[in-house]
C-alpha atoms as a PDB file:
ATOM      1  CA  MET A   1      83.422  76.246  75.031  1.00  0.00           C
ATOM      2  CA  ALA A   2      86.665  77.379  73.357  1.00  0.00           C
ATOM      3  CA  ALA A   3      89.063  79.392  75.457  1.00  0.00           C
ATOM      4  CA  ARG A   4      89.099  83.110  74.749  1.00  0.00           C
ATOM      5  CA  LYS A   5      92.092  84.060  72.626  1.00  0.00           C
ATOM      6  CA  ARG A   6      94.375  86.461  74.465  1.00  0.00           C
ATOM      7  CA  SER A   7      95.241  89.749  72.853  1.00  0.00           C
ATOM      8  CA  ALA A   8      98.835  90.822  72.208  1.00  0.00           C
ATOM      9  CA  ALA A   9      98.558  93.330  75.064  1.00  0.00           C
ATOM     10  CA  ASP A  10      97.261  90.620  77.409  1.00  0.00           C
ATOM     11  CA  ARG A  11     100.111  88.270  76.484  1.00  0.00           C
ATOM     12  CA  ARG A  12     102.625  91.080  77.009  1.00  0.00           C
ATOM     13  CA  ARG A  13     101.296  91.897  80.476  1.00  0.00           C
ATOM     14  CA  ARG A  14     101.413  88.229  81.479  1.00  0.00           C
ATOM     15  CA  THR A  15     104.986  87.923  80.201  1.00  0.00           C
ATOM     16  CA  HIS A  16     105.995  90.882  82.350  1.00  0.00           C
ATOM     17  CA  GLY A  17     104.024  89.537  85.324  1.00  0.00           C
ATOM     18  CA  GLN A  18     101.893  92.669  85.468  1.00  0.00           C
ATOM     19  CA  ASN A  19      98.201  92.908  86.290  1.00  0.00           C
ATOM     20  CA  LEU A  20      97.009  96.440  85.605  1.00  0.00           C
ATOM     21  CA  LEU A  21      94.536  98.157  87.898  1.00  0.00           C
ATOM     22  CA  ALA A  22      91.323  98.820  85.966  1.00  0.00           C
ATOM     23  CA  ASP A  23      88.862  99.937  88.677  1.00  0.00           C
ATOM     24  CA  PRO A  24      88.814 103.752  89.062  1.00  0.00           C
ATOM     25  CA  SER A  25      86.984 103.518  92.398  1.00  0.00           C
ATOM     26  CA  VAL A  26      90.090 101.897  93.919  1.00  0.00           C
ATOM     27  CA  VAL A  27      92.135 104.880  92.750  1.00  0.00           C
ATOM     28  CA  ASP A  28      89.592 107.356  94.145  1.00  0.00           C
ATOM     29  CA  ARG A  29      89.771 105.754  97.589  1.00  0.00           C
ATOM     30  CA  LEU A  30      93.570 105.743  97.458  1.00  0.00           C
ATOM     31  CA  LEU A  31      93.784 109.440  96.587  1.00  0.00           C
ATOM     32  CA  ALA A  32      91.392 110.279  99.408  1.00  0.00           C
ATOM     33  CA  ARG A  33      93.804 108.874 101.999  1.00  0.00           C
ATOM     34  CA  LEU A  34      97.185 109.811 100.482  1.00  0.00           C
ATOM     35  CA  ASP A  35      97.011 113.448 101.625  1.00  0.00           C
ATOM     36  CA  LEU A  36      99.235 114.590  98.764  1.00  0.00           C
ATOM     37  CA  ALA A  37     100.911 117.970  99.057  1.00  0.00           C
ATOM     38  CA  GLN A  38     100.872 120.284  96.033  1.00  0.00           C
ATOM     39  CA  ASP A  39     103.881 119.552  93.782  1.00  0.00           C
ATOM     40  CA  GLU A  40     104.961 116.600  95.956  1.00  0.00           C
ATOM     41  CA  LEU A  41     107.248 114.253  94.008  1.00  0.00           C
ATOM     42  CA  VAL A  42     105.734 110.798  93.488  1.00  0.00           C
ATOM     43  CA  VAL A  43     107.628 107.950  91.831  1.00  0.00           C
ATOM     44  CA  GLU A  44     105.475 105.354  90.109  1.00  0.00           C
ATOM     45  CA  VAL A  45     106.947 102.112  88.806  1.00  0.00           C
ATOM     46  CA  GLY A  46     105.056 100.069  86.241  1.00  0.00           C
ATOM     47  CA  PRO A  47     102.429 102.692  85.343  1.00  0.00           C
ATOM     48  CA  GLY A  48     101.065 100.678  82.410  1.00  0.00           C
ATOM     49  CA  ARG A  49      98.345 102.777  80.779  1.00  0.00           C
ATOM     50  CA  GLY A  50      98.236 105.398  83.539  1.00  0.00           C
ATOM     51  CA  ALA A  51      95.450 104.273  85.899  1.00  0.00           C
ATOM     52  CA  LEU A  52      97.404 105.843  88.778  1.00  0.00           C
ATOM     53  CA  THR A  53      99.660 108.236  86.855  1.00  0.00           C
ATOM     54  CA  LEU A  54      97.031 110.576  85.499  1.00  0.00           C
ATOM     55  CA  PRO A  55      94.916 110.857  88.689  1.00  0.00           C
ATOM     56  CA  LEU A  56      98.081 111.541  90.734  1.00  0.00           C
ATOM     57  CA  ALA A  57      99.045 114.341  88.349  1.00  0.00           C
ATOM     58  CA  ARG A  58      95.525 115.764  88.337  1.00  0.00           C
ATOM     59  CA  ALA A  59      95.657 115.802  92.145  1.00  0.00           C
ATOM     60  CA  GLY A  60      98.692 118.103  92.014  1.00  0.00           C
ATOM     61  CA  ALA A  61     101.618 115.701  92.357  1.00  0.00           C
ATOM     62  CA  ARG A  62     104.740 115.776  90.230  1.00  0.00           C
ATOM     63  CA  VAL A  63     104.993 112.230  88.890  1.00  0.00           C
ATOM     64  CA  LEU A  64     108.081 110.360  87.745  1.00  0.00           C
ATOM     65  CA  ALA A  65     106.662 107.296  85.970  1.00  0.00           C
ATOM     66  CA  ILE A  66     109.098 104.463  85.183  1.00  0.00           C
ATOM     67  CA  GLU A  67     107.933 101.949  82.566  1.00  0.00           C
ATOM     68  CA  ARG A  68     109.988  99.412  80.615  1.00  0.00           C
ATOM     69  CA  ASP A  69     107.410  98.409  77.968  1.00  0.00           C
ATOM     70  CA  LYS A  70     107.819 100.691  74.965  1.00  0.00           C
ATOM     71  CA  ARG A  71     104.203 100.174  73.882  1.00  0.00           C
ATOM     72  CA  PHE A  72     102.915 101.329  77.258  1.00  0.00           C
ATOM     73  CA  VAL A  73     105.310 104.274  77.155  1.00  0.00           C
ATOM     74  CA  ALA A  74     104.010 105.407  73.768  1.00  0.00           C
ATOM     75  CA  ASP A  75     100.369 104.958  74.794  1.00  0.00           C
ATOM     76  CA  LEU A  76     100.788 106.723  78.136  1.00  0.00           C
ATOM     77  CA  GLN A  77     102.746 109.593  76.608  1.00  0.00           C
ATOM     78  CA  GLY A  78      99.841 110.202  74.262  1.00  0.00           C
ATOM     79  CA  ARG A  79      97.402 110.268  77.171  1.00  0.00           C
ATOM     80  CA  ILE A  80      99.618 112.671  79.105  1.00  0.00           C
ATOM     81  CA  GLU A  81      99.784 115.073  76.170  1.00  0.00           C
ATOM     82  CA  GLN A  82      96.057 114.747  75.481  1.00  0.00           C
ATOM     83  CA  GLU A  83      95.274 115.820  79.050  1.00  0.00           C
ATOM     84  CA  ARG A  84      97.962 118.534  78.965  1.00  0.00           C
ATOM     85  CA  LEU A  85      99.796 117.060  81.940  1.00  0.00           C
ATOM     86  CA  ALA A  86     103.285 117.045  80.421  1.00  0.00           C
ATOM     87  CA  ASP A  87     104.417 119.667  82.944  1.00  0.00           C
ATOM     88  CA  ARG A  88     103.417 117.347  85.809  1.00  0.00           C
ATOM     89  CA  VAL A  89     104.497 113.918  84.519  1.00  0.00           C
ATOM     90  CA  GLN A  90     107.978 112.808  83.529  1.00  0.00           C
ATOM     91  CA  LEU A  91     107.708 109.462  81.750  1.00  0.00           C
ATOM     92  CA  ARG A  92     110.937 107.486  81.641  1.00  0.00           C
ATOM     93  CA  ARG A  93     111.462 104.222  79.770  1.00  0.00           C
ATOM     94  CA  ALA A  94     113.582 102.129  82.140  1.00  0.00           C
ATOM     95  CA  ASP A  95     113.597  98.991  84.263  1.00  0.00           C
ATOM     96  CA  LEU A  96     112.525  99.480  87.882  1.00  0.00           C
ATOM     97  CA  ARG A  97     115.360  97.189  88.971  1.00  0.00           C
ATOM     98  CA  ASP A  98     118.075  99.679  88.046  1.00  0.00           C
ATOM     99  CA  ALA A  99     116.401 102.970  87.104  1.00  0.00           C
ATOM    100  CA  PRO A 100     117.937 105.986  88.928  1.00  0.00           C
ATOM    101  CA  LEU A 101     115.787 107.219  91.802  1.00  0.00           C
ATOM    102  CA  PRO A 102     115.462 110.888  92.841  1.00  0.00           C
ATOM    103  CA  ARG A 103     117.920 112.513  95.219  1.00  0.00           C
ATOM    104  CA  GLU A 104     115.285 114.944  96.493  1.00  0.00           C
ATOM    105  CA  PRO A 105     112.594 113.733  98.929  1.00  0.00           C
ATOM    106  CA  TYR A 106     109.977 111.562  97.232  1.00  0.00           C
ATOM    107  CA  ARG A 107     107.286 109.004  97.911  1.00  0.00           C
ATOM    108  CA  VAL A 108     106.283 105.951  95.898  1.00  0.00           C
ATOM    109  CA  VAL A 109     102.787 105.032  94.735  1.00  0.00           C
ATOM    110  CA  ALA A 110     102.537 102.071  92.388  1.00  0.00           C
ATOM    111  CA  ASN A 111     100.856  98.925  91.140  1.00  0.00           C
ATOM    112  CA  PRO A 112     104.127  97.144  90.258  1.00  0.00           C
ATOM    113  CA  PRO A 113     104.509  93.774  88.529  1.00  0.00           C
ATOM    114  CA  PHE A 114     103.800  91.197  91.233  1.00  0.00           C
ATOM    115  CA  ALA A 115     106.845  89.137  90.231  1.00  0.00           C
ATOM    116  CA  LEU A 116     109.194  92.027  91.089  1.00  0.00           C
ATOM    117  CA  THR A 117     107.785  92.869  94.530  1.00  0.00           C
ATOM    118  CA  THR A 118     110.799  91.669  96.551  1.00  0.00           C
ATOM    119  CA  THR A 119     113.277  93.334  94.201  1.00  0.00           C
ATOM    120  CA  LEU A 120     111.405  96.639  94.356  1.00  0.00           C
ATOM    121  CA  LEU A 121     111.075  96.633  98.145  1.00  0.00           C
ATOM    122  CA  ALA A 122     114.793  95.930  98.502  1.00  0.00           C
ATOM    123  CA  ARG A 123     115.637  98.855  96.221  1.00  0.00           C
ATOM    124  CA  LEU A 124     113.422 101.201  98.185  1.00  0.00           C
ATOM    125  CA  LEU A 125     114.035 100.060 101.762  1.00  0.00           C
ATOM    126  CA  ASP A 126     117.592  98.717 102.024  1.00  0.00           C
ATOM    127  CA  ASP A 127     119.042 102.224 102.359  1.00  0.00           C
ATOM    128  CA  PRO A 128     116.781 104.296 104.647  1.00  0.00           C
ATOM    129  CA  LEU A 129     118.965 107.381 104.215  1.00  0.00           C
ATOM    130  CA  ARG A 130     118.239 107.588 100.485  1.00  0.00           C
ATOM    131  CA  GLY A 131     114.896 105.809 100.402  1.00  0.00           C
ATOM    132  CA  PRO A 132     111.442 107.362 100.035  1.00  0.00           C
ATOM    133  CA  THR A 133     109.503 108.977 102.852  1.00  0.00           C
ATOM    134  CA  GLN A 134     106.516 106.689 102.229  1.00  0.00           C
ATOM    135  CA  VAL A 135     105.618 103.797  99.941  1.00  0.00           C
ATOM    136  CA  ASP A 136     102.125 102.704  98.864  1.00  0.00           C
ATOM    137  CA  LEU A 137     102.196  99.534  96.769  1.00  0.00           C
ATOM    138  CA  LEU A 138      99.364  97.384  95.441  1.00  0.00           C
ATOM    139  CA  LEU A 139     100.627  93.824  95.968  1.00  0.00           C
ATOM    140  CA  GLN A 140      99.335  90.284  96.104  1.00  0.00           C
ATOM    141  CA  TRP A 141      97.177  89.917  99.218  1.00  0.00           C
ATOM    142  CA  GLU A 142      99.309  87.285 100.953  1.00  0.00           C
ATOM    143  CA  VAL A 143     102.516  89.182 100.228  1.00  0.00           C
ATOM    144  CA  ALA A 144     101.118  92.439 101.628  1.00  0.00           C
ATOM    145  CA  ARG A 145      99.692  90.662 104.684  1.00  0.00           C
ATOM    146  CA  LYS A 146     102.983  88.909 105.397  1.00  0.00           C
ATOM    147  CA  HIS A 147     105.029  92.108 105.221  1.00  0.00           C
ATOM    148  CA  ALA A 148     102.584  93.921 107.515  1.00  0.00           C
ATOM    149  CA  ALA A 149     102.549  91.183 110.169  1.00  0.00           C
ATOM    150  CA  GLU A 150     103.463  92.125 113.753  1.00  0.00           C
ATOM    151  CA  PRO A 151     105.847  90.837 114.917  1.00  0.00           C
ATOM    152  CA  PRO A 152     107.630  90.294 111.577  1.00  0.00           C
ATOM    153  CA  THR A 153     107.280  86.803 110.130  1.00  0.00           C
ATOM    154  CA  THR A 154     110.072  87.011 107.546  1.00  0.00           C
ATOM    155  CA  LEU A 155     113.761  87.820 107.849  1.00  0.00           C
ATOM    156  CA  ARG A 156     113.417  90.569 105.265  1.00  0.00           C
ATOM    157  CA  SER A 157     110.632  92.340 107.127  1.00  0.00           C
ATOM    158  CA  ALA A 158     112.516  92.008 110.415  1.00  0.00           C
ATOM    159  CA  SER A 159     115.649  93.515 108.890  1.00  0.00           C
ATOM    160  CA  TRP A 160     113.673  96.558 107.654  1.00  0.00           C
ATOM    161  CA  ALA A 161     111.642  97.046 110.848  1.00  0.00           C
ATOM    162  CA  PRO A 162     114.095  99.382 112.680  1.00  0.00           C
ATOM    163  CA  TRP A 163     113.706 101.991 109.940  1.00  0.00           C
ATOM    164  CA  TRP A 164     110.265 101.351 108.417  1.00  0.00           C
ATOM    165  CA  ARG A 165     106.735 100.842 109.676  1.00  0.00           C
ATOM    166  CA  PHE A 166     104.398  98.577 107.669  1.00  0.00           C
ATOM    167  CA  GLU A 167     100.609  98.889 107.452  1.00  0.00           C
ATOM    168  CA  LEU A 168      98.128  96.650 105.648  1.00  0.00           C
ATOM    169  CA  GLY A 169      95.536  98.646 103.751  1.00  0.00           C
ATOM    170  CA  GLU A 170      92.443  98.017 101.654  1.00  0.00           C
ATOM    171  CA  LYS A 171      91.970  94.597 100.112  1.00  0.00           C
ATOM    172  CA  VAL A 172      91.397  94.868  96.361  1.00  0.00           C
ATOM    173  CA  PRO A 173      89.498  92.053  94.597  1.00  0.00           C
ATOM    174  CA  ARG A 174      91.224  90.339  91.715  1.00  0.00           C
ATOM    175  CA  LYS A 175      88.454  91.427  89.320  1.00  0.00           C
ATOM    176  CA  ALA A 176      89.751  95.005  89.648  1.00  0.00           C
ATOM    177  CA  PHE A 177      92.733  94.049  87.420  1.00  0.00           C
ATOM    178  CA  ARG A 178      93.317  93.251  83.771  1.00  0.00           C
ATOM    179  CA  PRO A 179      94.260  90.551  83.092  1.00  0.00           C
ATOM    180  CA  VAL A 180      92.471  89.101  86.123  1.00  0.00           C
ATOM    181  CA  PRO A 181      95.016  87.418  88.430  1.00  0.00           C
ATOM    182  CA  SER A 182      94.312  84.239  90.382  1.00  0.00           C
ATOM    183  CA  ILE A 183      94.287  85.963  93.796  1.00  0.00           C
ATOM    184  CA  ASP A 184      93.220  89.244  95.399  1.00  0.00           C
ATOM    185  CA  ALA A 185      95.569  92.134  96.141  1.00  0.00           C
ATOM    186  CA  ALA A 186      95.960  94.716  98.905  1.00  0.00           C
ATOM    187  CA  TRP A 187      97.643  98.038  99.534  1.00  0.00           C
ATOM    188  CA  LEU A 188     100.812  97.889 101.600  1.00  0.00           C
ATOM    189  CA  THR A 189     101.913 101.199 103.114  1.00  0.00           C
ATOM    190  CA  VAL A 190     105.484 101.590 104.342  1.00  0.00           C
ATOM    191  CA  VAL A 191     106.397 104.725 106.297  1.00  0.00           C
ATOM    192  CA  ARG A 192     109.895 105.792 107.281  1.00  0.00           C
ATOM    193  CA  ARG A 193     110.260 105.856 111.069  1.00  0.00           C
ATOM    194  CA  ASP A 194     111.089 109.235 112.568  1.00  0.00           C
ATOM    195  CA  PRO A 195     113.088 108.745 114.676  1.00  0.00           C
ATOM    196  CA  PRO A 196     114.347 105.300 113.629  1.00  0.00           C
ATOM    197  CA  ILE A 197     114.804 102.528 116.183  1.00  0.00           C
ATOM    198  CA  LEU A 198     118.446 102.068 115.118  1.00  0.00           C
ATOM    199  CA  PRO A 199     120.877 104.463 113.404  1.00  0.00           C
ATOM    200  CA  PRO A 200     120.501 104.323 109.589  1.00  0.00           C
ATOM    201  CA  SER A 201     124.244 103.612 109.336  1.00  0.00           C
ATOM    202  CA  LEU A 202     123.517 100.078 110.605  1.00  0.00           C
ATOM    203  CA  ALA A 203     121.088  99.269 107.774  1.00  0.00           C
ATOM    204  CA  SER A 204     123.783  98.067 105.366  1.00  0.00           C
ATOM    205  CA  GLY A 205     124.290  94.376 106.038  1.00  0.00           C
ATOM    206  CA  PHE A 206     121.730  94.263 108.851  1.00  0.00           C
ATOM    207  CA  ASN A 207     119.954  91.391 107.118  1.00  0.00           C
ATOM    208  CA  ASP A 208     123.135  89.277 107.306  1.00  0.00           C
ATOM    209  CA  THR A 209     123.757  90.325 110.907  1.00  0.00           C
ATOM    210  CA  LEU A 210     120.256  89.292 111.907  1.00  0.00           C
ATOM    211  CA  ARG A 211     120.213  86.017 109.974  1.00  0.00           C
ATOM    212  CA  PRO A 212     121.881  83.663 112.555  1.00  0.00           C
ATOM    213  CA  ALA A 213     119.588  84.783 115.394  1.00  0.00           C
ATOM    214  CA  TRP A 214     116.557  84.630 113.096  1.00  0.00           C
ATOM    215  CA  GLN A 215     117.404  81.092 111.989  1.00  0.00           C
ATOM    216  CA  ARG A 216     117.823  79.939 115.581  1.00  0.00           C
ATOM    217  CA  ALA A 217     114.542  81.551 116.617  1.00  0.00           C
ATOM    218  CA  THR A 218     112.573  80.040 113.737  1.00  0.00           C
ATOM    219  CA  ALA A 219     114.198  76.582 113.635  1.00  0.00           C
ATOM    220  CA  PRO A 220     111.835  73.658 114.379  1.00  0.00           C
ATOM    221  CA  ARG A 221     112.122  72.481 117.966  1.00  0.00           C
ATOM    222  CA  SER A 222     113.426  68.968 118.501  1.00  0.00           C
ATOM    223  CA  GLY A 223     112.098  66.469 120.999  1.00  0.00           C
ATOM    224  CA  GLY A 224     108.462  66.961 120.216  1.00  0.00           C
ATOM    225  CA  ARG A 225     105.943  64.232 119.662  1.00  0.00           C
ATOM    226  CA  PRO A 226     106.111  62.489 116.299  1.00  0.00           C
ATOM    227  CA  PRO A 227     103.443  63.665 113.869  1.00  0.00           C
ATOM    228  CA  LYS A 228     100.242  61.664 113.708  1.00  0.00           C
ATOM    229  CA  ARG A 229      99.944  59.416 110.733  1.00  0.00           C
END
């Protein structure tokens, strides 16, 4: 059987490393647990065609949607205007890696490109004083599980732990996305600690400060039995 020819939109999503959520029931369950306040500011990165954007706006949030693909921007802007949600959604064409983030309190809800997960988390969590109050991201299952592990299993997660609390949420099957990825996904929730374990002023460079101790603690022990052949 000949392989199905990919559409231009499918090729574009794969180039950008983005698998768009296409199951509205996943969104319904998310909204039920978010406990959004009326007019709360929500930043969404990588909105694609608006699977999260429009329901968030309908639920009463003010949404700042950041999308770099001009075709998605044009399509989503049309949907926003069609539903008369222009007063609730600000759509900005920009790259999530350097787009300005709000100075007022905000939270993040997004299904970002999987390939940019680490970059996005660093932008949001490295500075707890200016970061969001809460983050809900739909990530690859193993990535979400690793970040939510207790105690932390990565240097990055350990360096964020004094200021942020990580929770693993609902597992989302890969068939809920288009194009369908090779693995399942899951929601990762990150909540700012109040009070923090350490002063926020120590966050800058804490990763480098922690690195030597982390490397010693995770280094393979010598003197053990040789592996079986």
